Amino acid sequence: MTVATTDADRAAAAEEHFRAVYEENFAFLSSIAVNKFRVPDTEAETLAHEVFLTYLRKQDTIADLRSWLIGAICHASRHYWRSNRRIVDADPEVDLEYADPASREIVDVLTNQIAARRILESLTPRYQEILRLRYFAGMTVPEIAAHLGVKPKYAQKLVSKCLKRAEKMFHEKGIAR
């Protein structure tokens, strides 16, 4: 009977520990998804719940709980946007006569965007792919390394090299081409 009691005590202690971790971190994780990644509130809560479900499965292997939780919600938020990138409904009540404040500076930014596009097009296909994966597809360096079949450290060097090459070409060709 003592073995059963100790097992029940361990289960109760584990449940109490999980409840404490959940209550302490749920709002924080949801706010990271909403404020940093602009995930809708309801979706952010769902992502936080998914993080805690994963935590339940992996809690014995986690060394730094808070860092792991933050990393997990960041990865979940990025995955959410990669999965839902183009599935955003237009708001039917938007006033089309109202000028968007962000569009006021579009003329200033447009020249740089055209120059950046030309620079990217002039890079080698491999460099284009690496920059596309990192900055347009939102992949992390380890994900790029896996995709390319190289080590993460080498993938980081490739990303850095691609950026330096693009920046050098940008400065050589200038903005007004």
Protein backbone atom coordinates (compact mmCIF):
# COMPACT_ATOMS: atom_id res chain seq x y z
CA MET A 1 0.00 0.00 0.00
CA THR A 2 2.93 2.37 0.58
CA VAL A 3 4.06 1.98 -3.04
CA ALA A 4 0.59 2.93 -4.27
CA THR A 5 0.52 5.87 -1.88
CA THR A 6 3.91 7.14 -3.03
CA ASP A 7 2.87 6.76 -6.69
CA ALA A 8 -0.30 8.71 -5.97
CA ASP A 9 1.72 11.34 -4.10
CA ARG A 10 4.14 11.63 -7.04
CA ALA A 11 1.26 11.98 -9.50
CA ALA A 12 -0.37 14.64 -7.33
CA ALA A 13 2.93 16.51 -6.98
CA ALA A 14 3.52 16.32 -10.74
CA GLU A 15 0.01 17.60 -11.39
CA GLU A 16 0.47 20.45 -8.92
CA HIS A 17 3.84 21.34 -10.49
CA PHE A 18 2.30 21.41 -13.97
CA ARG A 19 -0.60 23.56 -12.75
CA ALA A 20 1.86 26.04 -11.21
CA VAL A 21 3.96 26.19 -14.40
CA TYR A 22 0.81 26.62 -16.50
CA GLU A 23 -0.68 29.38 -14.35
CA GLU A 24 2.63 31.22 -14.12
CA ASN A 25 3.44 31.14 -17.85
CA PHE A 26 0.23 30.85 -19.89
CA ALA A 27 -0.55 34.57 -20.11
CA PHE A 28 3.12 35.36 -20.76
CA LEU A 29 3.37 32.88 -23.65
CA SER A 30 0.12 34.09 -25.17
CA SER A 31 1.32 37.68 -24.98
CA ILE A 32 4.56 36.77 -26.79
CA ALA A 33 2.57 35.23 -29.64
CA VAL A 34 0.22 38.23 -29.82
CA ASN A 35 2.69 41.09 -29.34
CA LYS A 36 5.83 39.77 -31.04
CA PHE A 37 4.32 37.67 -33.81
CA ARG A 38 0.90 39.37 -34.22
CA VAL A 39 -0.94 36.07 -33.85
CA PRO A 40 -4.69 36.61 -33.18
CA ASP A 41 -5.64 36.25 -29.49
CA THR A 42 -7.62 33.03 -29.84
CA GLU A 43 -4.92 31.44 -31.96
CA ALA A 44 -2.23 32.55 -29.50
CA GLU A 45 -4.06 30.76 -26.69
CA THR A 46 -4.27 27.62 -28.83
CA LEU A 47 -0.55 27.83 -29.53
CA ALA A 48 0.20 28.24 -25.82
CA HIS A 49 -1.90 25.14 -25.07
CA GLU A 50 0.03 23.21 -27.72
CA VAL A 51 3.29 24.31 -26.10
CA PHE A 52 2.08 23.00 -22.73
CA LEU A 53 1.01 19.70 -24.29
CA THR A 54 4.50 19.30 -25.70
CA TYR A 55 5.92 20.29 -22.31
CA LEU A 56 3.97 17.43 -20.70
CA ARG A 57 5.63 14.95 -23.07
CA LYS A 58 9.15 16.39 -22.78
CA GLN A 59 9.30 17.81 -19.26
CA ASP A 60 11.89 15.28 -18.12
CA THR A 61 14.38 16.39 -20.81
CA ILE A 62 14.04 20.17 -20.34
CA ALA A 63 16.96 21.81 -18.55
CA ASP A 64 15.88 25.49 -18.57
CA LEU A 65 12.09 25.63 -18.42
CA ARG A 66 11.50 29.34 -19.08
CA SER A 67 13.88 29.43 -22.05
CA TRP A 68 12.32 26.29 -23.46
CA LEU A 69 8.80 27.71 -23.13
CA ILE A 70 9.77 30.98 -24.82
CA GLY A 71 11.53 29.13 -27.63
CA ALA A 72 8.58 26.80 -28.07
CA ILE A 73 6.02 29.62 -28.35
CA CYS A 74 8.29 31.47 -30.82
CA HIS A 75 8.61 28.35 -32.99
CA ALA A 76 4.88 27.68 -32.75
CA SER A 77 4.08 31.26 -33.76
CA ARG A 78 6.44 31.12 -36.74
CA HIS A 79 4.93 27.81 -37.78
CA TYR A 80 1.45 29.32 -37.47
CA TRP A 81 2.34 32.10 -39.91
CA ARG A 82 4.13 29.76 -42.32
CA SER A 83 1.03 27.55 -42.35
CA ASN A 84 -1.45 30.43 -42.60
CA ARG A 85 0.59 32.88 -44.66
CA ARG A 86 -1.95 33.48 -47.42
CA ILE A 87 -5.15 32.63 -45.59
CA VAL A 88 -6.11 36.04 -44.26
CA ASP A 89 -9.65 37.25 -44.89
CA ALA A 90 -10.18 40.82 -45.94
CA ASP A 91 -12.16 42.95 -43.54
CA PRO A 92 -15.41 43.83 -45.36
CA GLU A 93 -15.93 46.95 -43.23
CA VAL A 94 -12.69 48.64 -44.28
CA ASP A 95 -13.23 52.21 -45.47
CA LEU A 96 -11.58 52.31 -48.87
CA GLU A 97 -11.50 56.11 -48.88
CA TYR A 98 -9.24 56.20 -45.82
CA ALA A 99 -5.54 56.31 -46.71
CA ASP A 100 -3.40 53.86 -44.79
CA PRO A 101 -0.70 55.76 -42.83
CA ALA A 102 1.86 53.13 -43.78
CA SER A 103 1.25 53.82 -47.47
CA ARG A 104 2.29 57.44 -47.11
CA GLU A 105 5.96 56.52 -47.13
CA ILE A 106 5.59 53.94 -49.89
CA VAL A 107 7.16 56.20 -52.51
CA ASP A 108 10.29 56.53 -50.39
CA VAL A 109 10.52 52.81 -49.79
CA LEU A 110 9.57 51.74 -53.31
CA THR A 111 12.90 52.76 -54.84
CA ASN A 112 14.83 50.71 -52.29
CA GLN A 113 12.54 47.71 -52.80
CA ILE A 114 13.06 47.80 -56.56
CA ALA A 115 16.83 48.02 -56.10
CA ALA A 116 16.77 45.15 -53.56
CA ARG A 117 14.74 42.99 -55.96
CA ARG A 118 17.26 43.67 -58.75
CA ILE A 119 20.13 42.80 -56.44
CA LEU A 120 18.48 39.54 -55.40
CA GLU A 121 17.83 38.65 -59.03
CA SER A 122 21.49 39.22 -59.87
CA LEU A 123 22.72 36.81 -57.16
CA THR A 124 23.48 33.19 -57.95
CA PRO A 125 20.53 30.79 -57.64
CA ARG A 126 22.03 29.23 -54.50
CA TYR A 127 22.39 32.62 -52.81
CA GLN A 128 18.86 33.54 -53.86
CA GLU A 129 17.53 30.32 -52.34
CA ILE A 130 19.41 30.80 -49.07
CA LEU A 131 18.15 34.37 -48.64
CA ARG A 132 14.62 33.35 -49.68
CA LEU A 133 14.56 30.53 -47.12
CA ARG A 134 15.90 32.74 -44.33
CA TYR A 135 14.02 35.97 -44.85
CA PHE A 136 10.94 35.18 -46.94
CA ALA A 137 10.10 31.64 -45.81
CA GLY A 138 11.14 32.46 -42.22
CA MET A 139 13.29 29.37 -41.75
CA THR A 140 15.81 29.26 -38.94
CA VAL A 141 19.49 28.56 -39.58
CA PRO A 142 19.18 24.94 -38.36
CA GLU A 143 16.18 24.45 -40.68
CA ILE A 144 18.18 25.87 -43.59
CA ALA A 145 21.08 23.57 -42.69
CA ALA A 146 18.77 20.55 -42.76
CA HIS A 147 17.25 21.70 -46.05
CA LEU A 148 20.67 22.15 -47.68
CA GLY A 149 22.21 19.09 -46.03
CA VAL A 150 24.97 21.02 -44.28
CA LYS A 151 25.91 21.73 -40.67
CA PRO A 152 24.20 24.66 -38.90
CA LYS A 153 27.46 26.54 -38.42
CA TYR A 154 28.17 26.36 -42.15
CA ALA A 155 24.58 27.41 -42.92
CA GLN A 156 25.07 30.48 -40.70
CA LYS A 157 28.23 31.32 -42.65
CA LEU A 158 26.33 30.93 -45.92
CA VAL A 159 23.55 33.27 -44.79
CA SER A 160 26.09 35.83 -43.66
CA LYS A 161 28.05 35.51 -46.91
CA CYS A 162 24.87 35.92 -48.98
CA LEU A 163 23.91 39.05 -47.06
CA LYS A 164 27.38 40.54 -47.46
CA ARG A 165 27.36 39.82 -51.19
CA ALA A 166 23.89 41.37 -51.59
CA GLU A 167 24.91 44.43 -49.58
CA LYS A 168 28.10 44.85 -51.60
CA MET A 169 26.16 44.62 -54.86
CA PHE A 170 23.58 47.07 -53.54
CA HIS A 171 26.24 49.65 -52.77
CA GLU A 172 28.05 49.03 -56.08
CA LYS A 173 24.94 49.31 -58.25
CA GLY A 174 23.37 52.10 -56.25
CA ILE A 175 19.73 52.76 -55.57
CA ALA A 176 18.75 54.62 -58.75
CA ARG A 177 19.19 51.87 -61.34
